C-alpha atoms as a PDB file:
ATOM      1  CA  MET A   1       0.291   0.046   0.312  1.00  0.00           C
ATOM      2  CA  THR A   2       1.199   3.322  -1.155  1.00  0.00           C
ATOM      3  CA  VAL A   3       0.679   6.349   1.410  1.00  0.00           C
ATOM      4  CA  LYS A   4       1.218   9.494  -0.319  1.00  0.00           C
ATOM      5  CA  LEU A   5       1.490  12.512   2.447  1.00  0.00           C
ATOM      6  CA  LYS A   6      -0.401  15.763   1.634  1.00  0.00           C
ATOM      7  CA  PRO A   7       1.956  19.208   1.281  1.00  0.00           C
ATOM      8  CA  ALA A   8       0.690  20.438   3.959  1.00  0.00           C
ATOM      9  CA  MET A   9       1.609  17.341   5.735  1.00  0.00           C
ATOM     10  CA  VAL A  10       5.031  17.443   4.166  1.00  0.00           C
ATOM     11  CA  LEU A  11       5.791  20.726   5.361  1.00  0.00           C
ATOM     12  CA  PHE A  12       4.683  20.226   8.988  1.00  0.00           C
ATOM     13  CA  LEU A  13       7.430  17.202   9.205  1.00  0.00           C
ATOM     14  CA  VAL A  14      10.234  19.801   7.998  1.00  0.00           C
ATOM     15  CA  ALA A  15       9.106  22.288  10.538  1.00  0.00           C
ATOM     16  CA  LEU A  16       9.254  19.279  13.349  1.00  0.00           C
ATOM     17  CA  LEU A  17      12.482  18.148  12.315  1.00  0.00           C
ATOM     18  CA  MET A  18      14.177  21.573  12.065  1.00  0.00           C
ATOM     19  CA  GLN A  19      12.629  22.190  15.582  1.00  0.00           C
ATOM     20  CA  ALA A  20      14.234  19.070  16.980  1.00  0.00           C
ATOM     21  CA  CYS A  21      17.044  19.802  15.566  1.00  0.00           C
ATOM     22  CA  SER A  22      17.451  23.109  17.540  1.00  0.00           C
ATOM     23  CA  TRP A  23      17.371  20.958  20.642  1.00  0.00           C
ATOM     24  CA  PHE A  24      20.379  19.611  20.274  1.00  0.00           C
ATOM     25  CA  LYS A  25      22.484  22.906  20.558  1.00  0.00           C
ATOM     26  CA  ASP A  26      25.212  23.462  22.286  1.00  0.00           C
ATOM     27  CA  LYS A  27      23.853  25.898  25.253  1.00  0.00           C
ATOM     28  CA  PRO A  28      25.618  28.485  27.094  1.00  0.00           C
ATOM     29  CA  ALA A  29      27.706  27.476  30.232  1.00  0.00           C
ATOM     30  CA  GLU A  30      25.173  28.317  32.868  1.00  0.00           C
ATOM     31  CA  TYR A  31      28.090  30.256  34.814  1.00  0.00           C
ATOM     32  CA  LEU A  32      28.182  32.839  32.326  1.00  0.00           C
ATOM     33  CA  ASN A  33      25.278  34.119  32.804  1.00  0.00           C
ATOM     34  CA  SER A  34      25.783  34.198  36.824  1.00  0.00           C
ATOM     35  CA  ASP A  35      26.094  37.225  39.665  1.00  0.00           C
ATOM     36  CA  VAL A  36      27.898  38.091  42.342  1.00  0.00           C
ATOM     37  CA  GLY A  37      25.519  37.633  45.274  1.00  0.00           C
ATOM     38  CA  ALA A  38      25.554  39.781  48.622  1.00  0.00           C
ATOM     39  CA  PRO A  39      27.851  38.440  51.652  1.00  0.00           C
ATOM     40  CA  LEU A  40      26.726  35.658  53.592  1.00  0.00           C
ATOM     41  CA  GLU A  41      24.686  36.733  56.776  1.00  0.00           C
ATOM     42  CA  ILE A  42      25.544  34.818  59.895  1.00  0.00           C
ATOM     43  CA  PRO A  43      23.079  34.758  62.247  1.00  0.00           C
ATOM     44  CA  THR A  44      23.895  35.695  66.614  1.00  0.00           C
ATOM     45  CA  GLY A  45      25.460  32.796  67.753  1.00  0.00           C
ATOM     46  CA  LEU A  46      26.814  30.776  65.183  1.00  0.00           C
ATOM     47  CA  ASP A  47      30.562  31.140  63.955  1.00  0.00           C
ATOM     48  CA  LYS A  48      31.692  32.753  60.886  1.00  0.00           C
ATOM     49  CA  PRO A  49      32.957  30.428  57.996  1.00  0.00           C
ATOM     50  CA  ARG A  50      36.824  30.700  57.701  1.00  0.00           C
ATOM     51  CA  GLN A  51      37.712  33.271  54.728  1.00  0.00           C
ATOM     52  CA  VAL A  52      39.542  31.518  51.429  1.00  0.00           C
ATOM     53  CA  ALA A  53      41.445  33.494  49.750  1.00  0.00           C
ATOM     54  CA  SER A  54      39.922  33.958  46.094  1.00  0.00           C
ATOM     55  CA  ILE A  55      41.949  32.338  43.520  1.00  0.00           C
ATOM     56  CA  THR A  56      42.284  34.800  40.558  1.00  0.00           C
ATOM     57  CA  ILE A  57      42.250  32.801  37.006  1.00  0.00           C
ATOM     58  CA  GLY A  58      44.013  34.544  33.686  1.00  0.00           C
ATOM     59  CA  GLY A  59      46.305  37.023  32.417  1.00  0.00           C
ATOM     60  CA  GLY A  60      46.239  40.049  30.281  1.00  0.00           C
ATOM     61  CA  ILE A  61      43.188  41.370  28.461  1.00  0.00           C
ATOM     62  CA  LEU A  62      41.809  39.797  25.588  1.00  0.00           C
ATOM     63  CA  ARG A  63      41.156  41.019  22.130  1.00  0.00           C
ATOM     64  CA  SER A  64      37.688  41.098  21.385  1.00  0.00           C
ATOM     65  CA  PRO A  65      37.032  39.090  18.045  1.00  0.00           C
ATOM     66  CA  THR A  66      36.067  41.787  15.123  1.00  0.00           C
ATOM     67  CA  ASP A  67      34.993  41.630  11.485  1.00  0.00           C
ATOM     68  CA  ASP A  68      34.537  38.019   9.882  1.00  0.00           C
ATOM     69  CA  GLU A  69      36.444  36.374  13.185  1.00  0.00           C
ATOM     70  CA  LEU A  70      32.765  36.511  14.794  1.00  0.00           C
ATOM     71  CA  ASN A  71      32.155  33.600  11.849  1.00  0.00           C
ATOM     72  CA  PRO A  72      35.127  30.873  11.865  1.00  0.00           C
ATOM     73  CA  LEU A  73      36.145  29.143   8.839  1.00  0.00           C
ATOM     74  CA  PRO A  74      38.657  26.202   8.742  1.00  0.00           C
ATOM     75  CA  PRO A  75      42.243  27.566   8.985  1.00  0.00           C
ATOM     76  CA  ARG A  76      43.848  29.198   6.279  1.00  0.00           C
ATOM     77  CA  ALA A  77      47.448  28.340   4.913  1.00  0.00           C
ATOM     78  CA  ALA A  78      49.706  31.012   5.513  1.00  0.00           C
ATOM     79  CA  VAL A  79      50.639  30.793   1.920  1.00  0.00           C
ATOM     80  CA  THR A  80      49.019  29.027  -0.920  1.00  0.00           C
ATOM     81  CA  ALA A  81      50.357  26.257  -2.603  1.00  0.00           C
ATOM     82  CA  GLY A  82      52.835  26.912  -5.112  1.00  0.00           C
ATOM     83  CA  GLY A  83      53.514  30.386  -3.720  1.00  0.00           C
ATOM     84  CA  GLY A  84      57.698  29.594  -4.211  1.00  0.00           C
ATOM     85  CA  ASP A  85      57.331  28.909  -7.567  1.00  0.00           C
ATOM     86  CA  ALA A  86      54.323  31.142  -9.208  1.00  0.00           C
ATOM     87  CA  ASN A  87      54.659  34.558  -9.890  1.00  0.00           C
ATOM     88  CA  ALA A  88      51.590  35.760  -7.324  1.00  0.00           C
ATOM     89  CA  TYR A  89      50.250  34.008  -5.081  1.00  0.00           C
ATOM     90  CA  LEU A  90      47.957  34.389  -1.721  1.00  0.00           C
ATOM     91  CA  ALA A  91      49.659  34.990   1.724  1.00  0.00           C
ATOM     92  CA  TRP A  92      48.855  36.459   5.550  1.00  0.00           C
ATOM     93  CA  SER A  93      50.946  38.544   7.492  1.00  0.00           C
ATOM     94  CA  ALA A  94      49.504  40.167  10.763  1.00  0.00           C
ATOM     95  CA  THR A  95      47.648  43.191   8.930  1.00  0.00           C
ATOM     96  CA  GLY A  96      45.750  40.472   7.152  1.00  0.00           C
ATOM     97  CA  ALA A  97      45.490  39.059   3.670  1.00  0.00           C
ATOM     98  CA  TYR A  98      47.527  40.231   0.571  1.00  0.00           C
ATOM     99  CA  LEU A  99      48.881  39.061  -2.864  1.00  0.00           C
ATOM    100  CA  ALA A 100      52.285  38.647  -3.599  1.00  0.00           C
ATOM    101  CA  VAL A 101      53.715  39.914  -6.833  1.00  0.00           C
ATOM    102  CA  LYS A 102      57.342  38.873  -7.886  1.00  0.00           C
ATOM    103  CA  ASP A 103      57.765  42.497  -9.922  1.00  0.00           C
ATOM    104  CA  SER A 104      58.653  45.699  -9.071  1.00  0.00           C
ATOM    105  CA  PRO A 105      56.279  47.849  -7.429  1.00  0.00           C
ATOM    106  CA  GLU A 106      55.769  50.291 -10.541  1.00  0.00           C
ATOM    107  CA  SER A 107      55.152  47.286 -12.808  1.00  0.00           C
ATOM    108  CA  VAL A 108      52.715  46.254 -10.447  1.00  0.00           C
ATOM    109  CA  ALA A 109      50.474  48.920 -10.444  1.00  0.00           C
ATOM    110  CA  ARG A 110      50.653  48.878 -14.497  1.00  0.00           C
ATOM    111  CA  ARG A 111      49.672  45.574 -14.394  1.00  0.00           C
ATOM    112  CA  LEU A 112      46.763  45.584 -12.104  1.00  0.00           C
ATOM    113  CA  ARG A 113      45.405  48.869 -14.123  1.00  0.00           C
ATOM    114  CA  PHE A 114      44.949  46.301 -16.978  1.00  0.00           C
ATOM    115  CA  ALA A 115      43.714  43.157 -14.293  1.00  0.00           C
ATOM    116  CA  ILE A 116      41.151  45.367 -13.237  1.00  0.00           C
ATOM    117  CA  GLN A 117      40.038  46.295 -16.971  1.00  0.00           C
ATOM    118  CA  ARG A 118      40.070  42.580 -17.818  1.00  0.00           C
ATOM    119  CA  SER A 119      38.218  40.868 -15.356  1.00  0.00           C
ATOM    120  CA  GLY A 120      35.167  42.974 -15.877  1.00  0.00           C
ATOM    121  CA  MET A 121      35.513  45.588 -13.105  1.00  0.00           C
ATOM    122  CA  ASN A 122      34.918  49.021 -13.802  1.00  0.00           C
ATOM    123  CA  LEU A 123      38.404  51.054 -12.862  1.00  0.00           C
ATOM    124  CA  VAL A 124      37.084  54.245 -11.454  1.00  0.00           C
ATOM    125  CA  GLU A 125      40.322  56.535 -10.721  1.00  0.00           C
ATOM    126  CA  ARG A 126      43.732  55.106 -11.811  1.00  0.00           C
ATOM    127  CA  SER A 127      46.926  56.165  -9.929  1.00  0.00           C
ATOM    128  CA  ASP A 128      50.463  56.229 -11.178  1.00  0.00           C
ATOM    129  CA  ASP A 129      51.702  54.937  -7.703  1.00  0.00           C
ATOM    130  CA  GLY A 130      48.654  51.840  -8.038  1.00  0.00           C
ATOM    131  CA  ALA A 131      46.086  52.883  -5.109  1.00  0.00           C
ATOM    132  CA  HIS A 132      43.325  52.281  -7.946  1.00  0.00           C
ATOM    133  CA  LYS A 133      39.786  52.534  -7.506  1.00  0.00           C
ATOM    134  CA  PHE A 134      37.742  50.282  -9.024  1.00  0.00           C
ATOM    135  CA  GLU A 135      33.916  48.634  -9.248  1.00  0.00           C
ATOM    136  CA  TYR A 136      33.576  45.139  -8.785  1.00  0.00           C
ATOM    137  CA  GLN A 137      30.342  43.206  -9.433  1.00  0.00           C
ATOM    138  CA  HIS A 138      30.341  39.809  -7.558  1.00  0.00           C
ATOM    139  CA  LEU A 139      28.011  37.391  -9.911  1.00  0.00           C
ATOM    140  CA  ARG A 140      26.486  34.626  -7.811  1.00  0.00           C
ATOM    141  CA  THR A 141      24.835  31.615  -8.795  1.00  0.00           C
ATOM    142  CA  ALA A 142      22.907  28.768  -6.344  1.00  0.00           C
ATOM    143  CA  PRO A 143      24.035  25.322  -6.486  1.00  0.00           C
ATOM    144  CA  GLU A 144      21.563  23.030  -8.254  1.00  0.00           C
ATOM    145  CA  LYS A 145      18.950  22.046  -5.289  1.00  0.00           C
ATOM    146  CA  GLY A 146      17.401  18.519  -4.244  1.00  0.00           C
ATOM    147  CA  PHE A 147      13.856  17.767  -3.416  1.00  0.00           C
ATOM    148  CA  PHE A 148      13.492  19.054  -0.247  1.00  0.00           C
ATOM    149  CA  GLU A 149      16.334  21.844  -0.144  1.00  0.00           C
ATOM    150  CA  LYS A 150      13.354  23.710  -2.868  1.00  0.00           C
ATOM    151  CA  MET A 151      10.983  23.468  -0.517  1.00  0.00           C
ATOM    152  CA  LEU A 152      13.048  25.570   1.995  1.00  0.00           C
ATOM    153  CA  PHE A 153      12.473  28.628  -0.180  1.00  0.00           C
ATOM    154  CA  TRP A 154      13.499  31.226   2.600  1.00  0.00           C
ATOM    155  CA  ARG A 155      16.769  30.130   2.379  1.00  0.00           C
ATOM    156  CA  ASN A 156      19.493  31.962   0.618  1.00  0.00           C
ATOM    157  CA  ASP A 157      22.115  29.706  -0.772  1.00  0.00           C
ATOM    158  CA  LEU A 158      24.167  32.416  -3.129  1.00  0.00           C
ATOM    159  CA  GLY A 159      26.728  32.696  -0.329  1.00  0.00           C
ATOM    160  CA  PRO A 160      28.555  36.022   0.551  1.00  0.00           C
ATOM    161  CA  ASP A 161      27.963  39.029  -1.610  1.00  0.00           C
ATOM    162  CA  TYR A 162      31.229  40.864  -2.172  1.00  0.00           C
ATOM    163  CA  SER A 163      30.034  43.351  -4.438  1.00  0.00           C
ATOM    164  CA  GLY A 164      31.416  46.582  -3.840  1.00  0.00           C
ATOM    165  CA  THR A 165      34.199  49.826  -4.301  1.00  0.00           C
ATOM    166  CA  TYR A 166      37.658  48.981  -3.428  1.00  0.00           C
ATOM    167  CA  LEU A 167      40.875  50.535  -3.556  1.00  0.00           C
ATOM    168  CA  VAL A 168      44.278  48.415  -3.851  1.00  0.00           C
ATOM    169  CA  ARG A 169      47.449  49.705  -2.217  1.00  0.00           C
ATOM    170  CA  ILE A 170      50.942  48.617  -2.735  1.00  0.00           C
ATOM    171  CA  GLN A 171      54.089  48.126  -0.980  1.00  0.00           C
ATOM    172  CA  ALA A 172      57.757  46.963  -2.055  1.00  0.00           C
ATOM    173  CA  ASP A 173      58.706  43.605   0.030  1.00  0.00           C
ATOM    174  CA  GLY A 174      62.394  42.868  -1.106  1.00  0.00           C
ATOM    175  CA  ASP A 175      62.232  41.558  -4.616  1.00  0.00           C
ATOM    176  CA  GLU A 176      58.157  41.551  -4.320  1.00  0.00           C
ATOM    177  CA  THR A 177      55.591  43.696  -4.112  1.00  0.00           C
ATOM    178  CA  ARG A 178      52.022  43.433  -1.483  1.00  0.00           C
ATOM    179  CA  VAL A 179      48.939  44.198  -2.843  1.00  0.00           C
ATOM    180  CA  TYR A 180      46.571  45.150  -0.535  1.00  0.00           C
ATOM    181  CA  LEU A 181      42.567  44.901  -0.919  1.00  0.00           C
ATOM    182  CA  MET A 182      40.944  47.978   0.754  1.00  0.00           C
ATOM    183  CA  PHE A 183      37.477  49.553   1.087  1.00  0.00           C
ATOM    184  CA  ALA A 184      36.858  53.308  -0.617  1.00  0.00           C
ATOM    185  CA  THR A 185      36.986  54.551   2.636  1.00  0.00           C
ATOM    186  CA  GLY A 186      40.701  53.637   3.269  1.00  0.00           C
ATOM    187  CA  SER A 187      39.834  50.903   6.029  1.00  0.00           C
ATOM    188  CA  PRO A 188      41.357  47.288   4.847  1.00  0.00           C
ATOM    189  CA  ALA A 189      38.991  45.474   3.488  1.00  0.00           C
ATOM    190  CA  ASN A 190      37.651  42.213   5.715  1.00  0.00           C
ATOM    191  CA  SER A 191      39.875  38.513   5.174  1.00  0.00           C
ATOM    192  CA  ASN A 192      37.055  36.780   2.678  1.00  0.00           C
ATOM    193  CA  ALA A 193      36.664  39.886   0.429  1.00  0.00           C
ATOM    194  CA  ALA A 194      40.377  40.242   0.290  1.00  0.00           C
ATOM    195  CA  GLU A 195      40.607  36.713  -0.756  1.00  0.00           C
ATOM    196  CA  HIS A 196      37.824  36.683  -3.319  1.00  0.00           C
ATOM    197  CA  VAL A 197      38.937  39.805  -5.210  1.00  0.00           C
ATOM    198  CA  LEU A 198      42.935  39.264  -4.912  1.00  0.00           C
ATOM    199  CA  GLY A 199      41.920  35.861  -5.754  1.00  0.00           C
ATOM    200  CA  ILE A 200      40.639  37.140  -8.978  1.00  0.00           C
ATOM    201  CA  PHE A 201      43.934  39.573  -9.306  1.00  0.00           C
ATOM    202  CA  MET A 202      46.442  36.346  -8.545  1.00  0.00           C
ATOM    203  CA  GLU A 203      45.311  34.031 -11.617  1.00  0.00           C
ATOM    204  CA  ARG A 204      45.438  37.415 -14.030  1.00  0.00           C
ATOM    205  CA  LEU A 205      49.243  38.221 -12.702  1.00  0.00           C
ATOM    206  CA  GLY A 206      50.276  34.694 -11.999  1.00  0.00           C
END
């Protein structure tokens, strides 16, 4: 005998499963919401408890997470594969991700201008020192969905959108040149956006 489920029943079962999954999520430790209570009041005639010195745990002040650190991703390598042989490769420093190019700053500034235009980006302002300003339109495509995924029509599976106006900043580094990605305001772009856009330039300059 074949049992046919009505669409309303299928939606109800999917919602029930999603609610059940939320029951098994990690809950924050109860001590994080604890408060310091009032001192213990000792009734007359009773001995006070023996005082024990408190123990301080910890060291210096920890830095609060910022930007995309609040959404941790799998660990990244300090240098992309083939960095020793490739003409351009992504690397990391204390200031974030950058594109390392085995060329002089003057040549990289010129090559970046062509890379921006040939990658379909809009070059807004060009600069002889390589601080080019450009607009990038991130074209995203959704992956093929299965039957049950199509029922969750409210979900956005396109991923992050890195469209925006950016600046590039170049810096001499010995025999190489570093290329950093900045927002139009002059502040450093977040790590994910930098890896995405600089990765496009790496394919052009590599």
